[in-house]
Amino acid sequence: GYYPDYYFITAEEIDLSLRVLDEGFEIIYFPDI
């Protein structure tokens, strides 16, 4: 799903990151991007 609209501003990244990890996908920090 997308970002929860009702947050308006802030914390949406935390919400989506939890769901992405829960679906078995990875979040990776790349210093070269």
PDB file of all heavy atoms in Angstrom:
ATOM      1  N   GLY A   1       0.835  -1.188   0.000  1.00  0.00           N
ATOM      2  CA  GLY A   1       0.000   0.000   0.000  1.00  0.00           C
ATOM      3  C   GLY A   1       0.871   1.239   0.000  1.00  0.00           C
ATOM      4  O   GLY A   1       2.100   1.158   0.138  1.00  0.00           O
ATOM      5  N   TYR A   2       0.242   2.395  -0.167  1.00  0.00           N
ATOM      6  CA  TYR A   2       0.973   3.665  -0.239  1.00  0.00           C
ATOM      7  C   TYR A   2       1.089   4.289   1.151  1.00  0.00           C
ATOM      8  O   TYR A   2       0.828   3.643   2.170  1.00  0.00           O
ATOM      9  CB  TYR A   2       0.261   4.608  -1.217  1.00  0.00           C
ATOM     10  CG  TYR A   2       0.417   4.187  -2.666  1.00  0.00           C
ATOM     11  CD1 TYR A   2      -0.351   3.143  -3.196  1.00  0.00           C
ATOM     12  CD2 TYR A   2       1.336   4.809  -3.506  1.00  0.00           C
ATOM     13  CE1 TYR A   2      -0.212   2.751  -4.520  1.00  0.00           C
ATOM     14  CE2 TYR A   2       1.482   4.425  -4.832  1.00  0.00           C
ATOM     15  CZ  TYR A   2       0.705   3.389  -5.333  1.00  0.00           C
ATOM     16  OH  TYR A   2       0.863   3.003  -6.634  1.00  0.00           O
ATOM     17  N   TYR A   3       1.504   5.550   1.194  1.00  0.00           N
ATOM     18  CA  TYR A   3       1.594   6.253   2.467  1.00  0.00           C
ATOM     19  C   TYR A   3       0.195   6.553   3.015  1.00  0.00           C
ATOM     20  O   TYR A   3      -0.703   6.898   2.236  1.00  0.00           O
ATOM     21  CB  TYR A   3       2.351   7.569   2.292  1.00  0.00           C
ATOM     22  CG  TYR A   3       3.829   7.424   2.023  1.00  0.00           C
ATOM     23  CD1 TYR A   3       4.395   7.878   0.836  1.00  0.00           C
ATOM     24  CD2 TYR A   3       4.662   6.854   2.975  1.00  0.00           C
ATOM     25  CE1 TYR A   3       5.749   7.755   0.590  1.00  0.00           C
ATOM     26  CE2 TYR A   3       6.026   6.726   2.733  1.00  0.00           C
ATOM     27  CZ  TYR A   3       6.566   7.179   1.542  1.00  0.00           C
ATOM     28  OH  TYR A   3       7.913   7.054   1.314  1.00  0.00           O
ATOM     29  N   PRO A   4      -0.007   6.466   4.330  1.00  0.00           N
ATOM     30  CA  PRO A   4      -1.311   6.839   4.904  1.00  0.00           C
ATOM     31  C   PRO A   4      -1.535   8.346   4.771  1.00  0.00           C
ATOM     32  O   PRO A   4      -0.807   9.138   5.361  1.00  0.00           O
ATOM     33  CB  PRO A   4      -1.191   6.427   6.379  1.00  0.00           C
ATOM     34  CG  PRO A   4      -0.019   5.493   6.445  1.00  0.00           C
ATOM     35  CD  PRO A   4       0.907   5.942   5.361  1.00  0.00           C
ATOM     36  N   ASP A   5      -2.529   8.743   4.000  1.00  0.00           N
ATOM     37  CA  ASP A   5      -2.776  10.164   3.757  1.00  0.00           C
ATOM     38  C   ASP A   5      -3.036  10.950   5.032  1.00  0.00           C
ATOM     39  O   ASP A   5      -2.699  12.133   5.130  1.00  0.00           O
ATOM     40  CB  ASP A   5      -3.981  10.342   2.824  1.00  0.00           C
ATOM     41  CG  ASP A   5      -3.669   9.961   1.386  1.00  0.00           C
ATOM     42  OD1 ASP A   5      -2.475   9.793   1.061  1.00  0.00           O
ATOM     43  OD2 ASP A   5      -4.609   9.822   0.592  1.00  0.00           O
ATOM     44  N   TYR A   6      -3.648  10.316   6.012  1.00  0.00           N
ATOM     45  CA  TYR A   6      -4.092  11.049   7.196  1.00  0.00           C
ATOM     46  C   TYR A   6      -2.945  11.503   8.103  1.00  0.00           C
ATOM     47  O   TYR A   6      -3.170  12.259   9.040  1.00  0.00           O
ATOM     48  CB  TYR A   6      -5.111  10.220   7.998  1.00  0.00           C
ATOM     49  CG  TYR A   6      -4.721   8.784   8.263  1.00  0.00           C
ATOM     50  CD1 TYR A   6      -3.877   8.443   9.320  1.00  0.00           C
ATOM     51  CD2 TYR A   6      -5.223   7.769   7.464  1.00  0.00           C
ATOM     52  CE1 TYR A   6      -3.539   7.126   9.562  1.00  0.00           C
ATOM     53  CE2 TYR A   6      -4.891   6.443   7.705  1.00  0.00           C
ATOM     54  CZ  TYR A   6      -4.056   6.119   8.752  1.00  0.00           C
ATOM     55  OH  TYR A   6      -3.713   4.809   8.989  1.00  0.00           O
ATOM     56  N   TYR A   7      -1.719  11.065   7.825  1.00  0.00           N
ATOM     57  CA  TYR A   7      -0.582  11.573   8.597  1.00  0.00           C
ATOM     58  C   TYR A   7      -0.303  13.046   8.240  1.00  0.00           C
ATOM     59  O   TYR A   7       0.247  13.775   9.038  1.00  0.00           O
ATOM     60  CB  TYR A   7       0.670  10.753   8.314  1.00  0.00           C
ATOM     61  CG  TYR A   7       0.726   9.403   8.993  1.00  0.00           C
ATOM     62  CD1 TYR A   7      -0.362   8.871   9.668  1.00  0.00           C
ATOM     63  CD2 TYR A   7       1.891   8.636   8.947  1.00  0.00           C
ATOM     64  CE1 TYR A   7      -0.289   7.624  10.279  1.00  0.00           C
ATOM     65  CE2 TYR A   7       1.968   7.399   9.558  1.00  0.00           C
ATOM     66  CZ  TYR A   7       0.875   6.894  10.218  1.00  0.00           C
ATOM     67  OH  TYR A   7       0.945   5.668  10.825  1.00  0.00           O
ATOM     68  N   PHE A   8      -0.608  13.431   7.022  1.00  0.00           N
ATOM     69  CA  PHE A   8      -0.420  14.791   6.484  1.00  0.00           C
ATOM     70  C   PHE A   8       1.058  15.117   6.262  1.00  0.00           C
ATOM     71  O   PHE A   8       1.501  15.364   5.156  1.00  0.00           O
ATOM     72  CB  PHE A   8      -1.074  15.851   7.385  1.00  0.00           C
ATOM     73  CG  PHE A   8      -1.144  17.211   6.747  1.00  0.00           C
ATOM     74  CD1 PHE A   8      -2.037  17.456   5.719  1.00  0.00           C
ATOM     75  CD2 PHE A   8      -0.322  18.246   7.158  1.00  0.00           C
ATOM     76  CE1 PHE A   8      -2.113  18.704   5.106  1.00  0.00           C
ATOM     77  CE2 PHE A   8      -0.383  19.502   6.556  1.00  0.00           C
ATOM     78  CZ  PHE A   8      -1.283  19.725   5.530  1.00  0.00           C
ATOM     79  N   ILE A   9       1.845  15.153   7.343  1.00  0.00           N
ATOM     80  CA  ILE A   9       3.294  15.378   7.262  1.00  0.00           C
ATOM     81  C   ILE A   9       3.950  14.577   8.390  1.00  0.00           C
ATOM     82  O   ILE A   9       3.433  14.527   9.487  1.00  0.00           O
ATOM     83  CB  ILE A   9       3.676  16.864   7.464  1.00  0.00           C
ATOM     84  CG1 ILE A   9       3.037  17.756   6.414  1.00  0.00           C
ATOM     85  CG2 ILE A   9       5.184  17.054   7.424  1.00  0.00           C
ATOM     86  CD1 ILE A   9       3.250  19.240   6.677  1.00  0.00           C
ATOM     87  N   THR A  10       5.076  13.979   8.101  1.00  0.00           N
ATOM     88  CA  THR A  10       5.980  13.282   9.032  1.00  0.00           C
ATOM     89  C   THR A  10       5.495  11.901   9.474  1.00  0.00           C
ATOM     90  O   THR A  10       4.295  11.650   9.567  1.00  0.00           O
ATOM     91  CB  THR A  10       6.319  14.101  10.309  1.00  0.00           C
ATOM     92  OG1 THR A  10       5.238  14.040  11.220  1.00  0.00           O
ATOM     93  CG2 THR A  10       6.658  15.520   9.970  1.00  0.00           C
ATOM     94  N   ALA A  11       6.465  11.022   9.722  1.00  0.00           N
ATOM     95  CA  ALA A  11       6.291   9.639  10.196  1.00  0.00           C
ATOM     96  C   ALA A  11       5.823   8.677   9.109  1.00  0.00           C
ATOM     97  O   ALA A  11       5.770   7.468   9.340  1.00  0.00           O
ATOM     98  CB  ALA A  11       5.361   9.558  11.401  1.00  0.00           C
ATOM     99  N   GLU A  12       5.511   9.201   7.916  1.00  0.00           N
ATOM    100  CA  GLU A  12       5.053   8.309   6.852  1.00  0.00           C
ATOM    101  C   GLU A  12       6.159   7.357   6.406  1.00  0.00           C
ATOM    102  O   GLU A  12       5.894   6.213   6.013  1.00  0.00           O
ATOM    103  CB  GLU A  12       4.522   9.111   5.664  1.00  0.00           C
ATOM    104  CG  GLU A  12       5.556   9.762   4.769  1.00  0.00           C
ATOM    105  CD  GLU A  12       6.048  11.114   5.272  1.00  0.00           C
ATOM    106  OE1 GLU A  12       5.700  11.494   6.400  1.00  0.00           O
ATOM    107  OE2 GLU A  12       6.792  11.777   4.523  1.00  0.00           O
ATOM    108  N   GLU A  13       7.427   7.811   6.481  1.00  0.00           N
ATOM    109  CA  GLU A  13       8.542   6.947   6.080  1.00  0.00           C
ATOM    110  C   GLU A  13       8.662   5.755   7.017  1.00  0.00           C
ATOM    111  O   GLU A  13       8.926   4.631   6.580  1.00  0.00           O
ATOM    112  CB  GLU A  13       9.861   7.719   6.079  1.00  0.00           C
ATOM    113  CG  GLU A  13       9.847   9.005   5.279  1.00  0.00           C
ATOM    114  CD  GLU A  13       9.643  10.212   6.176  1.00  0.00           C
ATOM    115  OE1 GLU A  13       8.901  10.088   7.187  1.00  0.00           O
ATOM    116  OE2 GLU A  13      10.219  11.267   5.874  1.00  0.00           O
ATOM    117  N   ILE A  14       8.502   6.003   8.320  1.00  0.00           N
ATOM    118  CA  ILE A  14       8.589   4.918   9.289  1.00  0.00           C
ATOM    119  C   ILE A  14       7.480   3.906   9.040  1.00  0.00           C
ATOM    120  O   ILE A  14       7.703   2.696   9.051  1.00  0.00           O
ATOM    121  CB  ILE A  14       8.502   5.478  10.723  1.00  0.00           C
ATOM    122  CG1 ILE A  14       9.681   6.415  10.988  1.00  0.00           C
ATOM    123  CG2 ILE A  14       8.477   4.341  11.748  1.00  0.00           C
ATOM    124  CD1 ILE A  14       9.609   7.152  12.312  1.00  0.00           C
ATOM    125  N   ASP A  15       6.285   4.402   8.792  1.00  0.00           N
ATOM    126  CA  ASP A  15       5.141   3.533   8.531  1.00  0.00           C
ATOM    127  C   ASP A  15       5.397   2.632   7.326  1.00  0.00           C
ATOM    128  O   ASP A  15       5.223   1.406   7.390  1.00  0.00           O
ATOM    129  CB  ASP A  15       3.896   4.394   8.310  1.00  0.00           C
ATOM    130  CG  ASP A  15       2.617   3.586   8.225  1.00  0.00           C
ATOM    131  OD1 ASP A  15       2.467   2.815   7.260  1.00  0.00           O
ATOM    132  OD2 ASP A  15       1.758   3.728   9.114  1.00  0.00           O
ATOM    133  N   LEU A  16       5.823   3.226   6.215  1.00  0.00           N
ATOM    134  CA  LEU A  16       6.037   2.428   5.010  1.00  0.00           C
ATOM    135  C   LEU A  16       7.232   1.494   5.160  1.00  0.00           C
ATOM    136  O   LEU A  16       7.195   0.347   4.699  1.00  0.00           O
ATOM    137  CB  LEU A  16       6.228   3.320   3.783  1.00  0.00           C
ATOM    138  CG  LEU A  16       6.401   2.585   2.455  1.00  0.00           C
ATOM    139  CD1 LEU A  16       5.205   1.678   2.162  1.00  0.00           C
ATOM    140  CD2 LEU A  16       6.607   3.565   1.303  1.00  0.00           C
ATOM    141  N   SER A  17       8.281   1.941   5.817  1.00  0.00           N
ATOM    142  CA  SER A  17       9.459   1.085   5.972  1.00  0.00           C
ATOM    143  C   SER A  17       9.119  -0.182   6.755  1.00  0.00           C
ATOM    144  O   SER A  17       9.587  -1.279   6.415  1.00  0.00           O
ATOM    145  CB  SER A  17      10.604   1.847   6.658  1.00  0.00           C
ATOM    146  OG  SER A  17      10.286   2.177   7.989  1.00  0.00           O
ATOM    147  N   LEU A  18       8.282  -0.064   7.777  1.00  0.00           N
ATOM    148  CA  LEU A  18       7.865  -1.244   8.536  1.00  0.00           C
ATOM    149  C   LEU A  18       7.103  -2.222   7.654  1.00  0.00           C
ATOM    150  O   LEU A  18       7.297  -3.442   7.728  1.00  0.00           O
ATOM    151  CB  LEU A  18       6.996  -0.814   9.720  1.00  0.00           C
ATOM    152  CG  LEU A  18       7.690  -0.019  10.829  1.00  0.00           C
ATOM    153  CD1 LEU A  18       6.670   0.490  11.838  1.00  0.00           C
ATOM    154  CD2 LEU A  18       8.740  -0.857  11.529  1.00  0.00           C
ATOM    155  N   ARG A  19       6.241  -1.704   6.804  1.00  0.00           N
ATOM    156  CA  ARG A  19       5.449  -2.574   5.935  1.00  0.00           C
ATOM    157  C   ARG A  19       6.302  -3.225   4.853  1.00  0.00           C
ATOM    158  O   ARG A  19       6.084  -4.375   4.468  1.00  0.00           O
ATOM    159  CB  ARG A  19       4.302  -1.770   5.311  1.00  0.00           C
ATOM    160  CG  ARG A  19       3.221  -1.418   6.326  1.00  0.00           C
ATOM    161  CD  ARG A  19       2.090  -0.624   5.699  1.00  0.00           C
ATOM    162  NE  ARG A  19       2.405   0.784   5.546  1.00  0.00           N
ATOM    163  CZ  ARG A  19       2.196   1.491   4.451  1.00  0.00           C
ATOM    164  NH1 ARG A  19       1.692   0.913   3.374  1.00  0.00           N
ATOM    165  NH2 ARG A  19       2.487   2.780   4.419  1.00  0.00           N
ATOM    166  N   VAL A  20       7.289  -2.472   4.350  1.00  0.00           N
ATOM    167  CA  VAL A  20       8.195  -3.022   3.335  1.00  0.00           C
ATOM    168  C   VAL A  20       8.998  -4.181   3.919  1.00  0.00           C
ATOM    169  O   VAL A  20       9.121  -5.249   3.304  1.00  0.00           O
ATOM    170  CB  VAL A  20       9.137  -1.914   2.814  1.00  0.00           C
ATOM    171  CG1 VAL A  20      10.304  -2.503   2.026  1.00  0.00           C
ATOM    172  CG2 VAL A  20       8.363  -0.943   1.930  1.00  0.00           C
ATOM    173  N   LEU A  21       9.545  -3.986   5.113  1.00  0.00           N
ATOM    174  CA  LEU A  21      10.305  -5.055   5.761  1.00  0.00           C
ATOM    175  C   LEU A  21       9.409  -6.246   6.082  1.00  0.00           C
ATOM    176  O   LEU A  21       9.831  -7.398   5.973  1.00  0.00           O
ATOM    177  CB  LEU A  21      10.962  -4.519   7.041  1.00  0.00           C
ATOM    178  CG  LEU A  21      12.053  -3.459   6.840  1.00  0.00           C
ATOM    179  CD1 LEU A  21      12.483  -2.871   8.178  1.00  0.00           C
ATOM    180  CD2 LEU A  21      13.254  -4.042   6.107  1.00  0.00           C
ATOM    181  N   ASP A  22       8.168  -5.976   6.469  1.00  0.00           N
ATOM    182  CA  ASP A  22       7.244  -7.047   6.825  1.00  0.00           C
ATOM    183  C   ASP A  22       6.877  -7.904   5.618  1.00  0.00           C
ATOM    184  O   ASP A  22       6.521  -9.075   5.770  1.00  0.00           O
ATOM    185  CB  ASP A  22       5.979  -6.447   7.446  1.00  0.00           C
ATOM    186  CG  ASP A  22       5.206  -7.445   8.286  1.00  0.00           C
ATOM    187  OD1 ASP A  22       5.828  -8.108   9.145  1.00  0.00           O
ATOM    188  OD2 ASP A  22       3.984  -7.564   8.098  1.00  0.00           O
ATOM    189  N   GLU A  23       6.969  -7.332   4.425  1.00  0.00           N
ATOM    190  CA  GLU A  23       6.690  -8.077   3.199  1.00  0.00           C
ATOM    191  C   GLU A  23       7.919  -8.824   2.683  1.00  0.00           C
ATOM    192  O   GLU A  23       7.862  -9.470   1.636  1.00  0.00           O
ATOM    193  CB  GLU A  23       6.170  -7.128   2.111  1.00  0.00           C
ATOM    194  CG  GLU A  23       4.764  -6.601   2.366  1.00  0.00           C
ATOM    195  CD  GLU A  23       3.687  -7.654   2.188  1.00  0.00           C
ATOM    196  OE1 GLU A  23       3.987  -8.733   1.614  1.00  0.00           O
ATOM    197  OE2 GLU A  23       2.544  -7.423   2.621  1.00  0.00           O
ATOM    198  N   GLY A  24       9.025  -8.742   3.418  1.00  0.00           N
ATOM    199  CA  GLY A  24      10.223  -9.481   3.036  1.00  0.00           C
ATOM    200  C   GLY A  24      11.166  -8.754   2.106  1.00  0.00           C
ATOM    201  O   GLY A  24      12.121  -9.354   1.588  1.00  0.00           O
ATOM    202  N   PHE A  25      10.932  -7.463   1.887  1.00  0.00           N
ATOM    203  CA  PHE A  25      11.837  -6.677   1.046  1.00  0.00           C
ATOM    204  C   PHE A  25      12.891  -5.982   1.900  1.00  0.00           C
ATOM    205  O   PHE A  25      12.776  -5.911   3.129  1.00  0.00           O
ATOM    206  CB  PHE A  25      11.044  -5.649   0.236  1.00  0.00           C
ATOM    207  CG  PHE A  25      10.176  -6.262  -0.821  1.00  0.00           C
ATOM    208  CD1 PHE A  25       8.827  -6.499  -0.591  1.00  0.00           C
ATOM    209  CD2 PHE A  25      10.718  -6.631  -2.046  1.00  0.00           C
ATOM    210  CE1 PHE A  25       8.018  -7.074  -1.552  1.00  0.00           C
ATOM    211  CE2 PHE A  25       9.926  -7.210  -3.023  1.00  0.00           C
ATOM    212  CZ  PHE A  25       8.577  -7.435  -2.779  1.00  0.00           C
ATOM    213  N   GLU A  26      13.897  -5.466   1.244  1.00  0.00           N
ATOM    214  CA  GLU A  26      15.028  -4.851   1.948  1.00  0.00           C
ATOM    215  C   GLU A  26      15.063  -3.339   1.725  1.00  0.00           C
ATOM    216  O   GLU A  26      14.658  -2.848   0.670  1.00  0.00           O
ATOM    217  CB  GLU A  26      16.344  -5.461   1.444  1.00  0.00           C
ATOM    218  CG  GLU A  26      16.449  -6.953   1.688  1.00  0.00           C
ATOM    219  CD  GLU A  26      17.563  -7.614   0.893  1.00  0.00           C
ATOM    220  OE1 GLU A  26      18.119  -6.967  -0.027  1.00  0.00           O
ATOM    221  OE2 GLU A  26      17.870  -8.788   1.183  1.00  0.00           O
ATOM    222  N   ILE A  27      15.546  -2.646   2.735  1.00  0.00           N
ATOM    223  CA  ILE A  27      15.855  -1.219   2.630  1.00  0.00           C
ATOM    224  C   ILE A  27      17.359  -1.098   2.825  1.00  0.00           C
ATOM    225  O   ILE A  27      17.894  -1.568   3.837  1.00  0.00           O
ATOM    226  CB  ILE A  27      15.113  -0.400   3.710  1.00  0.00           C
ATOM    227  CG1 ILE A  27      13.604  -0.637   3.628  1.00  0.00           C
ATOM    228  CG2 ILE A  27      15.426   1.083   3.556  1.00  0.00           C
ATOM    229  CD1 ILE A  27      12.830  -0.039   4.784  1.00  0.00           C
ATOM    230  N   ILE A  28      18.028  -0.507   1.860  1.00  0.00           N
ATOM    231  CA  ILE A  28      19.492  -0.447   1.920  1.00  0.00           C
ATOM    232  C   ILE A  28      19.977   0.984   1.727  1.00  0.00           C
ATOM    233  O   ILE A  28      19.492   1.706   0.840  1.00  0.00           O
ATOM    234  CB  ILE A  28      20.132  -1.359   0.854  1.00  0.00           C
ATOM    235  CG1 ILE A  28      19.684  -2.813   1.064  1.00  0.00           C
ATOM    236  CG2 ILE A  28      21.653  -1.265   0.897  1.00  0.00           C
ATOM    237  CD1 ILE A  28      20.241  -3.792   0.035  1.00  0.00           C
ATOM    238  N   TYR A  29      20.918   1.364   2.574  1.00  0.00           N
ATOM    239  CA  TYR A  29      21.582   2.656   2.441  1.00  0.00           C
ATOM    240  C   TYR A  29      22.782   2.482   1.519  1.00  0.00           C
ATOM    241  O   TYR A  29      23.628   1.601   1.734  1.00  0.00           O
ATOM    242  CB  TYR A  29      22.048   3.149   3.807  1.00  0.00           C
ATOM    243  CG  TYR A  29      23.010   4.321   3.741  1.00  0.00           C
ATOM    244  CD1 TYR A  29      22.544   5.620   3.562  1.00  0.00           C
ATOM    245  CD2 TYR A  29      24.383   4.123   3.865  1.00  0.00           C
ATOM    246  CE1 TYR A  29      23.419   6.693   3.498  1.00  0.00           C
ATOM    247  CE2 TYR A  29      25.271   5.188   3.797  1.00  0.00           C
ATOM    248  CZ  TYR A  29      24.788   6.470   3.617  1.00  0.00           C
ATOM    249  OH  TYR A  29      25.661   7.525   3.551  1.00  0.00           O
ATOM    250  N   PHE A  30      22.835   3.325   0.475  1.00  0.00           N
ATOM    251  CA  PHE A  30      23.948   3.290  -0.472  1.00  0.00           C
ATOM    252  C   PHE A  30      24.664   4.640  -0.460  1.00  0.00           C
ATOM    253  O   PHE A  30      24.069   5.662  -0.845  1.00  0.00           O
ATOM    254  CB  PHE A  30      23.455   2.998  -1.889  1.00  0.00           C
ATOM    255  CG  PHE A  30      22.957   1.597  -2.090  1.00  0.00           C
ATOM    256  CD1 PHE A  30      21.600   1.337  -2.221  1.00  0.00           C
ATOM    257  CD2 PHE A  30      23.845   0.536  -2.148  1.00  0.00           C
ATOM    258  CE1 PHE A  30      21.134   0.043  -2.411  1.00  0.00           C
ATOM    259  CE2 PHE A  30      23.386  -0.768  -2.344  1.00  0.00           C
ATOM    260  CZ  PHE A  30      22.026  -1.018  -2.471  1.00  0.00           C
ATOM    261  N   PRO A  31      25.927   4.680  -0.037  1.00  0.00           N
ATOM    262  CA  PRO A  31      26.651   5.950   0.020  1.00  0.00           C
ATOM    263  C   PRO A  31      26.991   6.532  -1.347  1.00  0.00           C
ATOM    264  O   PRO A  31      27.319   7.720  -1.459  1.00  0.00           O
ATOM    265  CB  PRO A  31      27.930   5.585   0.789  1.00  0.00           C
ATOM    266  CG  PRO A  31      28.136   4.136   0.515  1.00  0.00           C
ATOM    267  CD  PRO A  31      26.743   3.556   0.435  1.00  0.00           C
ATOM    268  N   ASP A  32      26.898   5.700  -2.405  1.00  0.00           N
ATOM    269  CA  ASP A  32      27.263   6.175  -3.740  1.00  0.00           C
ATOM    270  C   ASP A  32      26.072   6.740  -4.514  1.00  0.00           C
ATOM    271  O   ASP A  32      26.236   7.194  -5.649  1.00  0.00           O
ATOM    272  CB  ASP A  32      27.946   5.066  -4.547  1.00  0.00           C
ATOM    273  CG  ASP A  32      27.089   3.813  -4.678  1.00  0.00           C
ATOM    274  OD1 ASP A  32      26.226   3.588  -3.815  1.00  0.00           O
ATOM    275  OD2 ASP A  32      27.302   3.056  -5.643  1.00  0.00           O
ATOM    276  N   ILE A  33      24.883   6.722  -3.931  1.00  0.00           N
ATOM    277  CA  ILE A  33      23.735   7.386  -4.549  1.00  0.00           C
ATOM    278  C   ILE A  33      23.552   8.697  -3.801  1.00  0.00           C
ATOM    279  O   ILE A  33      22.976   8.750  -2.717  1.00  0.00           O
ATOM    280  CB  ILE A  33      22.469   6.510  -4.492  1.00  0.00           C
ATOM    281  CG1 ILE A  33      22.729   5.203  -5.253  1.00  0.00           C
ATOM    282  CG2 ILE A  33      21.278   7.253  -5.091  1.00  0.00           C
ATOM    283  CD1 ILE A  33      21.572   4.242  -5.235  1.00  0.00           C
TER     284      ILE A  33
END
